[in-house]
Amino acid sequence: MELYNRLRATGDQGQQEALMKEILQIAQEQFWVIGINLPINGYGLVKSNMRNVPQSMPQAWLWPTPAPTNPFQYFYE
């Protein structure tokens, strides 16, 4: 963070470029893991008389599934 704070504090473009290169070099050396895949598609079961359920349901972490699909609007016929 010290380098980043120095980068923000300077107005000299040459010094900014040098600091940014140093930050990127550190990031390159310290970047150990990168995700290369996504979770597989899941499935769900819906009873035949349940209505207003979407065909697909996004998987969410911050807004847990099934919240993004407004489950309070589901109903039974």
PDB file of N, CA and C in Angstrom:
ATOM      1  N   MET A   1       0.821  -1.190   0.000  1.00  0.00           N
ATOM      2  CA  MET A   1       0.000   0.000   0.000  1.00  0.00           C
ATOM      3  C   MET A   1       0.867   1.257   0.000  1.00  0.00           C
ATOM      4  N   GLU A   2       2.063   1.129   0.548  1.00  0.00           N
ATOM      5  CA  GLU A   2       2.947   2.288   0.581  1.00  0.00           C
ATOM      6  C   GLU A   2       3.259   2.774  -0.836  1.00  0.00           C
ATOM      7  N   LEU A   3       3.564   1.838  -1.732  1.00  0.00           N
ATOM      8  CA  LEU A   3       3.848   2.217  -3.116  1.00  0.00           C
ATOM      9  C   LEU A   3       2.632   2.856  -3.773  1.00  0.00           C
ATOM     10  N   TYR A   4       1.467   2.304  -3.516  1.00  0.00           N
ATOM     11  CA  TYR A   4       0.236   2.857  -4.101  1.00  0.00           C
ATOM     12  C   TYR A   4      -0.016   4.267  -3.574  1.00  0.00           C
ATOM     13  N   ASN A   5       0.188   4.475  -2.292  1.00  0.00           N
ATOM     14  CA  ASN A   5       0.001   5.812  -1.721  1.00  0.00           C
ATOM     15  C   ASN A   5       1.006   6.798  -2.305  1.00  0.00           C
ATOM     16  N   ARG A   6       2.248   6.340  -2.513  1.00  0.00           N
ATOM     17  CA  ARG A   6       3.243   7.205  -3.154  1.00  0.00           C
ATOM     18  C   ARG A   6       2.828   7.513  -4.592  1.00  0.00           C
ATOM     19  N   LEU A   7       2.279   6.519  -5.297  1.00  0.00           N
ATOM     20  CA  LEU A   7       1.812   6.709  -6.673  1.00  0.00           C
ATOM     21  C   LEU A   7       0.723   7.781  -6.723  1.00  0.00           C
ATOM     22  N   ARG A   8      -0.203   7.710  -5.805  1.00  0.00           N
ATOM     23  CA  ARG A   8      -1.301   8.686  -5.764  1.00  0.00           C
ATOM     24  C   ARG A   8      -0.818  10.082  -5.387  1.00  0.00           C
ATOM     25  N   ALA A   9       0.241  10.155  -4.597  1.00  0.00           N
ATOM     26  CA  ALA A   9       0.711  11.439  -4.090  1.00  0.00           C
ATOM     27  C   ALA A   9       1.566  12.207  -5.090  1.00  0.00           C
ATOM     28  N   THR A  10       2.136  11.513  -6.066  1.00  0.00           N
ATOM     29  CA  THR A  10       3.032  12.194  -7.008  1.00  0.00           C
ATOM     30  C   THR A  10       2.275  12.692  -8.236  1.00  0.00           C
ATOM     31  N   GLY A  11       2.747  13.811  -8.748  1.00  0.00           N
ATOM     32  CA  GLY A  11       2.160  14.382  -9.958  1.00  0.00           C
ATOM     33  C   GLY A  11       3.029  14.160 -11.183  1.00  0.00           C
ATOM     34  N   ASP A  12       4.236  13.656 -10.968  1.00  0.00           N
ATOM     35  CA  ASP A  12       5.184  13.430 -12.058  1.00  0.00           C
ATOM     36  C   ASP A  12       4.826  12.135 -12.783  1.00  0.00           C
ATOM     37  N   GLN A  13       4.525  12.244 -14.077  1.00  0.00           N
ATOM     38  CA  GLN A  13       4.087  11.082 -14.833  1.00  0.00           C
ATOM     39  C   GLN A  13       5.176  10.006 -14.920  1.00  0.00           C
ATOM     40  N   GLY A  14       6.412  10.396 -15.069  1.00  0.00           N
ATOM     41  CA  GLY A  14       7.502   9.428 -15.135  1.00  0.00           C
ATOM     42  C   GLY A  14       7.640   8.639 -13.841  1.00  0.00           C
ATOM     43  N   GLN A  15       7.521   9.338 -12.728  1.00  0.00           N
ATOM     44  CA  GLN A  15       7.608   8.663 -11.431  1.00  0.00           C
ATOM     45  C   GLN A  15       6.388   7.759 -11.211  1.00  0.00           C
ATOM     46  N   GLN A  16       5.223   8.204 -11.685  1.00  0.00           N
ATOM     47  CA  GLN A  16       4.017   7.372 -11.582  1.00  0.00           C
ATOM     48  C   GLN A  16       4.196   6.069 -12.360  1.00  0.00           C
ATOM     49  N   GLU A  17       4.733   6.172 -13.571  1.00  0.00           N
ATOM     50  CA  GLU A  17       4.959   4.977 -14.390  1.00  0.00           C
ATOM     51  C   GLU A  17       5.947   4.026 -13.714  1.00  0.00           C
ATOM     52  N   ALA A  18       7.017   4.569 -13.146  1.00  0.00           N
ATOM     53  CA  ALA A  18       8.008   3.729 -12.466  1.00  0.00           C
ATOM     54  C   ALA A  18       7.389   3.033 -11.260  1.00  0.00           C
ATOM     55  N   LEU A  19       6.601   3.756 -10.472  1.00  0.00           N
ATOM     56  CA  LEU A  19       5.949   3.160  -9.307  1.00  0.00           C
ATOM     57  C   LEU A  19       4.945   2.091  -9.728  1.00  0.00           C
ATOM     58  N   MET A  20       4.208   2.360 -10.794  1.00  0.00           N
ATOM     59  CA  MET A  20       3.213   1.387 -11.259  1.00  0.00           C
ATOM     60  C   MET A  20       3.894   0.127 -11.765  1.00  0.00           C
ATOM     61  N   LYS A  21       5.008   0.258 -12.465  1.00  0.00           N
ATOM     62  CA  LYS A  21       5.755  -0.916 -12.916  1.00  0.00           C
ATOM     63  C   LYS A  21       6.238  -1.734 -11.725  1.00  0.00           C
ATOM     64  N   GLU A  22       6.678  -1.050 -10.678  1.00  0.00           N
ATOM     65  CA  GLU A  22       7.125  -1.755  -9.473  1.00  0.00           C
ATOM     66  C   GLU A  22       5.957  -2.488  -8.806  1.00  0.00           C
ATOM     67  N   ILE A  23       4.805  -1.842  -8.741  1.00  0.00           N
ATOM     68  CA  ILE A  23       3.611  -2.474  -8.168  1.00  0.00           C
ATOM     69  C   ILE A  23       3.219  -3.707  -8.977  1.00  0.00           C
ATOM     70  N   LEU A  24       3.229  -3.583 -10.300  1.00  0.00           N
ATOM     71  CA  LEU A  24       2.870  -4.718 -11.153  1.00  0.00           C
ATOM     72  C   LEU A  24       3.881  -5.859 -11.048  1.00  0.00           C
ATOM     73  N   GLN A  25       5.148  -5.528 -10.884  1.00  0.00           N
ATOM     74  CA  GLN A  25       6.169  -6.570 -10.717  1.00  0.00           C
ATOM     75  C   GLN A  25       5.932  -7.337  -9.411  1.00  0.00           C
ATOM     76  N   ILE A  26       5.622  -6.622  -8.344  1.00  0.00           N
ATOM     77  CA  ILE A  26       5.322  -7.280  -7.061  1.00  0.00           C
ATOM     78  C   ILE A  26       4.078  -8.146  -7.211  1.00  0.00           C
ATOM     79  N   ALA A  27       3.046  -7.617  -7.877  1.00  0.00           N
ATOM     80  CA  ALA A  27       1.813  -8.383  -8.075  1.00  0.00           C
ATOM     81  C   ALA A  27       2.081  -9.653  -8.886  1.00  0.00           C
ATOM     82  N   GLN A  28       2.934  -9.552  -9.886  1.00  0.00           N
ATOM     83  CA  GLN A  28       3.271 -10.721 -10.708  1.00  0.00           C
ATOM     84  C   GLN A  28       3.953 -11.788  -9.866  1.00  0.00           C
ATOM     85  N   GLU A  29       4.836 -11.398  -8.993  1.00  0.00           N
ATOM     86  CA  GLU A  29       5.574 -12.356  -8.168  1.00  0.00           C
ATOM     87  C   GLU A  29       4.711 -12.931  -7.048  1.00  0.00           C
ATOM     88  N   GLN A  30       3.737 -12.185  -6.559  1.00  0.00           N
ATOM     89  CA  GLN A  30       2.942 -12.611  -5.413  1.00  0.00           C
ATOM     90  C   GLN A  30       1.583 -13.187  -5.783  1.00  0.00           C
ATOM     91  N   PHE A  31       1.267 -13.250  -7.058  1.00  0.00           N
ATOM     92  CA  PHE A  31      -0.044 -13.727  -7.506  1.00  0.00           C
ATOM     93  C   PHE A  31       0.018 -15.234  -7.677  1.00  0.00           C
ATOM     94  N   TRP A  32      -0.380 -15.971  -6.655  1.00  0.00           N
ATOM     95  CA  TRP A  32      -0.180 -17.418  -6.626  1.00  0.00           C
ATOM     96  C   TRP A  32      -1.312 -18.206  -7.257  1.00  0.00           C
ATOM     97  N   VAL A  33      -2.526 -17.722  -7.179  1.00  0.00           N
ATOM     98  CA  VAL A  33      -3.672 -18.524  -7.601  1.00  0.00           C
ATOM     99  C   VAL A  33      -4.594 -17.697  -8.491  1.00  0.00           C
ATOM    100  N   ILE A  34      -5.107 -18.325  -9.530  1.00  0.00           N
ATOM    101  CA  ILE A  34      -6.130 -17.700 -10.363  1.00  0.00           C
ATOM    102  C   ILE A  34      -7.140 -18.784 -10.719  1.00  0.00           C
ATOM    103  N   GLY A  35      -8.398 -18.431 -10.619  1.00  0.00           N
ATOM    104  CA  GLY A  35      -9.442 -19.386 -10.962  1.00  0.00           C
ATOM    105  C   GLY A  35      -9.502 -19.608 -12.467  1.00  0.00           C
ATOM    106  N   ILE A  36      -9.650 -20.850 -12.876  1.00  0.00           N
ATOM    107  CA  ILE A  36      -9.687 -21.142 -14.306  1.00  0.00           C
ATOM    108  C   ILE A  36     -10.973 -21.851 -14.714  1.00  0.00           C
ATOM    109  N   ASN A  37     -11.898 -22.022 -13.765  1.00  0.00           N
ATOM    110  CA  ASN A  37     -13.150 -22.673 -14.132  1.00  0.00           C
ATOM    111  C   ASN A  37     -14.287 -22.140 -13.275  1.00  0.00           C
ATOM    112  N   LEU A  38     -15.473 -22.456 -13.660  1.00  0.00           N
ATOM    113  CA  LEU A  38     -16.674 -22.071 -12.936  1.00  0.00           C
ATOM    114  C   LEU A  38     -17.343 -23.323 -12.394  1.00  0.00           C
ATOM    115  N   PRO A  39     -18.184 -23.181 -11.366  1.00  0.00           N
ATOM    116  CA  PRO A  39     -18.884 -24.364 -10.878  1.00  0.00           C
ATOM    117  C   PRO A  39     -19.804 -24.942 -11.955  1.00  0.00           C
ATOM    118  N   ILE A  40     -20.014 -26.250 -11.894  1.00  0.00           N
ATOM    119  CA  ILE A  40     -20.896 -26.888 -12.871  1.00  0.00           C
ATOM    120  C   ILE A  40     -22.337 -26.444 -12.633  1.00  0.00           C
ATOM    121  N   ASN A  41     -23.144 -26.552 -13.666  1.00  0.00           N
ATOM    122  CA  ASN A  41     -24.555 -26.197 -13.536  1.00  0.00           C
ATOM    123  C   ASN A  41     -25.245 -27.178 -12.603  1.00  0.00           C
ATOM    124  N   GLY A  42     -26.066 -26.642 -11.747  1.00  0.00           N
ATOM    125  CA  GLY A  42     -26.825 -27.485 -10.844  1.00  0.00           C
ATOM    126  C   GLY A  42     -28.212 -27.744 -11.418  1.00  0.00           C
ATOM    127  N   TYR A  43     -29.066 -28.342 -10.635  1.00  0.00           N
ATOM    128  CA  TYR A  43     -30.434 -28.581 -11.074  1.00  0.00           C
ATOM    129  C   TYR A  43     -31.347 -28.442  -9.877  1.00  0.00           C
ATOM    130  N   GLY A  44     -32.595 -28.263 -10.142  1.00  0.00           N
ATOM    131  CA  GLY A  44     -33.592 -28.160  -9.087  1.00  0.00           C
ATOM    132  C   GLY A  44     -34.874 -28.832  -9.519  1.00  0.00           C
ATOM    133  N   LEU A  45     -35.654 -29.210  -8.563  1.00  0.00           N
ATOM    134  CA  LEU A  45     -36.936 -29.853  -8.830  1.00  0.00           C
ATOM    135  C   LEU A  45     -38.050 -28.907  -8.430  1.00  0.00           C
ATOM    136  N   VAL A  46     -39.055 -28.825  -9.286  1.00  0.00           N
ATOM    137  CA  VAL A  46     -40.206 -27.986  -9.012  1.00  0.00           C
ATOM    138  C   VAL A  46     -41.454 -28.826  -9.226  1.00  0.00           C
ATOM    139  N   LYS A  47     -42.321 -28.822  -8.240  1.00  0.00           N
ATOM    140  CA  LYS A  47     -43.553 -29.587  -8.345  1.00  0.00           C
ATOM    141  C   LYS A  47     -44.387 -29.068  -9.514  1.00  0.00           C
ATOM    142  N   SER A  48     -45.128 -29.942 -10.170  1.00  0.00           N
ATOM    143  CA  SER A  48     -45.847 -29.594 -11.399  1.00  0.00           C
ATOM    144  C   SER A  48     -46.938 -28.531 -11.194  1.00  0.00           C
ATOM    145  N   ASN A  49     -47.437 -28.346  -9.994  1.00  0.00           N
ATOM    146  CA  ASN A  49     -48.462 -27.328  -9.785  1.00  0.00           C
ATOM    147  C   ASN A  49     -47.890 -26.031  -9.205  1.00  0.00           C
ATOM    148  N   MET A  50     -46.594 -25.893  -9.156  1.00  0.00           N
ATOM    149  CA  MET A  50     -45.963 -24.663  -8.681  1.00  0.00           C
ATOM    150  C   MET A  50     -45.750 -23.727  -9.858  1.00  0.00           C
ATOM    151  N   ARG A  51     -46.134 -22.496  -9.703  1.00  0.00           N
ATOM    152  CA  ARG A  51     -46.093 -21.523 -10.802  1.00  0.00           C
ATOM    153  C   ARG A  51     -45.172 -20.337 -10.472  1.00  0.00           C
ATOM    154  N   ASN A  52     -44.852 -19.605 -11.520  1.00  0.00           N
ATOM    155  CA  ASN A  52     -44.034 -18.399 -11.463  1.00  0.00           C
ATOM    156  C   ASN A  52     -42.589 -18.695 -11.025  1.00  0.00           C
ATOM    157  N   VAL A  53     -42.139 -19.890 -11.287  1.00  0.00           N
ATOM    158  CA  VAL A  53     -40.760 -20.271 -11.001  1.00  0.00           C
ATOM    159  C   VAL A  53     -39.978 -20.133 -12.312  1.00  0.00           C
ATOM    160  N   PRO A  54     -38.863 -19.394 -12.311  1.00  0.00           N
ATOM    161  CA  PRO A  54     -38.127 -19.194 -13.560  1.00  0.00           C
ATOM    162  C   PRO A  54     -37.480 -20.487 -14.066  1.00  0.00           C
ATOM    163  N   GLN A  55     -37.220 -20.538 -15.368  1.00  0.00           N
ATOM    164  CA  GLN A  55     -36.578 -21.701 -15.981  1.00  0.00           C
ATOM    165  C   GLN A  55     -35.135 -21.851 -15.509  1.00  0.00           C
ATOM    166  N   SER A  56     -34.465 -20.734 -15.272  1.00  0.00           N
ATOM    167  CA  SER A  56     -33.092 -20.801 -14.771  1.00  0.00           C
ATOM    168  C   SER A  56     -32.996 -19.953 -13.510  1.00  0.00           C
ATOM    169  N   MET A  57     -32.046 -20.308 -12.659  1.00  0.00           N
ATOM    170  CA  MET A  57     -31.880 -19.607 -11.387  1.00  0.00           C
ATOM    171  C   MET A  57     -30.405 -19.284 -11.205  1.00  0.00           C
ATOM    172  N   PRO A  58     -30.061 -17.996 -11.116  1.00  0.00           N
ATOM    173  CA  PRO A  58     -28.649 -17.642 -10.930  1.00  0.00           C
ATOM    174  C   PRO A  58     -28.153 -18.097  -9.564  1.00  0.00           C
ATOM    175  N   GLN A  59     -26.934 -18.605  -9.546  1.00  0.00           N
ATOM    176  CA  GLN A  59     -26.312 -18.973  -8.284  1.00  0.00           C
ATOM    177  C   GLN A  59     -25.611 -17.730  -7.739  1.00  0.00           C
ATOM    178  N   ALA A  60     -25.920 -17.345  -6.524  1.00  0.00           N
ATOM    179  CA  ALA A  60     -25.368 -16.121  -5.966  1.00  0.00           C
ATOM    180  C   ALA A  60     -24.765 -16.387  -4.597  1.00  0.00           C
ATOM    181  N   TRP A  61     -23.739 -15.611  -4.259  1.00  0.00           N
ATOM    182  CA  TRP A  61     -23.108 -15.748  -2.961  1.00  0.00           C
ATOM    183  C   TRP A  61     -23.538 -14.603  -2.050  1.00  0.00           C
ATOM    184  N   LEU A  62     -23.457 -13.367  -2.531  1.00  0.00           N
ATOM    185  CA  LEU A  62     -23.815 -12.232  -1.697  1.00  0.00           C
ATOM    186  C   LEU A  62     -25.326 -12.106  -1.498  1.00  0.00           C
ATOM    187  N   TRP A  63     -26.080 -12.549  -2.463  1.00  0.00           N
ATOM    188  CA  TRP A  63     -27.538 -12.539  -2.374  1.00  0.00           C
ATOM    189  C   TRP A  63     -27.960 -13.975  -2.636  1.00  0.00           C
ATOM    190  N   PRO A  64     -27.988 -14.817  -1.588  1.00  0.00           N
ATOM    191  CA  PRO A  64     -28.082 -16.267  -1.757  1.00  0.00           C
ATOM    192  C   PRO A  64     -29.293 -16.735  -2.568  1.00  0.00           C
ATOM    193  N   THR A  65     -29.060 -17.756  -3.338  1.00  0.00           N
ATOM    194  CA  THR A  65     -30.092 -18.398  -4.135  1.00  0.00           C
ATOM    195  C   THR A  65     -31.153 -18.938  -3.189  1.00  0.00           C
ATOM    196  N   PRO A  66     -32.413 -18.805  -3.470  1.00  0.00           N
ATOM    197  CA  PRO A  66     -33.125 -18.358  -4.658  1.00  0.00           C
ATOM    198  C   PRO A  66     -33.516 -16.893  -4.624  1.00  0.00           C
ATOM    199  N   ALA A  67     -32.933 -16.087  -3.737  1.00  0.00           N
ATOM    200  CA  ALA A  67     -33.339 -14.687  -3.572  1.00  0.00           C
ATOM    201  C   ALA A  67     -33.412 -13.882  -4.869  1.00  0.00           C
ATOM    202  N   PRO A  68     -32.473 -14.011  -5.814  1.00  0.00           N
ATOM    203  CA  PRO A  68     -32.546 -13.196  -7.022  1.00  0.00           C
ATOM    204  C   PRO A  68     -33.792 -13.457  -7.882  1.00  0.00           C
ATOM    205  N   THR A  69     -34.512 -14.541  -7.629  1.00  0.00           N
ATOM    206  CA  THR A  69     -35.690 -14.863  -8.448  1.00  0.00           C
ATOM    207  C   THR A  69     -37.009 -14.480  -7.770  1.00  0.00           C
ATOM    208  N   ASN A  70     -36.945 -13.744  -6.667  1.00  0.00           N
ATOM    209  CA  ASN A  70     -38.143 -13.295  -5.932  1.00  0.00           C
ATOM    210  C   ASN A  70     -39.059 -14.462  -5.564  1.00  0.00           C
ATOM    211  N   PRO A  71     -38.620 -15.364  -4.703  1.00  0.00           N
ATOM    212  CA  PRO A  71     -39.421 -16.548  -4.383  1.00  0.00           C
ATOM    213  C   PRO A  71     -40.762 -16.222  -3.723  1.00  0.00           C
ATOM    214  N   PHE A  72     -40.921 -15.028  -3.169  1.00  0.00           N
ATOM    215  CA  PHE A  72     -42.212 -14.688  -2.571  1.00  0.00           C
ATOM    216  C   PHE A  72     -43.305 -14.574  -3.628  1.00  0.00           C
ATOM    217  N   GLN A  73     -42.940 -14.573  -4.912  1.00  0.00           N
ATOM    218  CA  GLN A  73     -43.929 -14.531  -5.980  1.00  0.00           C
ATOM    219  C   GLN A  73     -44.284 -15.927  -6.509  1.00  0.00           C
ATOM    220  N   TYR A  74     -43.629 -16.962  -6.015  1.00  0.00           N
ATOM    221  CA  TYR A  74     -44.000 -18.321  -6.401  1.00  0.00           C
ATOM    222  C   TYR A  74     -45.384 -18.617  -5.812  1.00  0.00           C
ATOM    223  N   PHE A  75     -46.146 -19.458  -6.485  1.00  0.00           N
ATOM    224  CA  PHE A  75     -47.443 -19.846  -5.923  1.00  0.00           C
ATOM    225  C   PHE A  75     -47.836 -21.228  -6.416  1.00  0.00           C
ATOM    226  N   TYR A  76     -48.753 -21.843  -5.711  1.00  0.00           N
ATOM    227  CA  TYR A  76     -49.297 -23.146  -6.097  1.00  0.00           C
ATOM    228  C   TYR A  76     -50.653 -22.949  -6.762  1.00  0.00           C
ATOM    229  N   GLU A  77     -50.858 -23.687  -7.835  1.00  0.00           N
ATOM    230  CA  GLU A  77     -52.130 -23.580  -8.553  1.00  0.00           C
ATOM    231  C   GLU A  77     -53.013 -24.737  -8.172  1.00  0.00           C
TER     232      GLU A  77
END
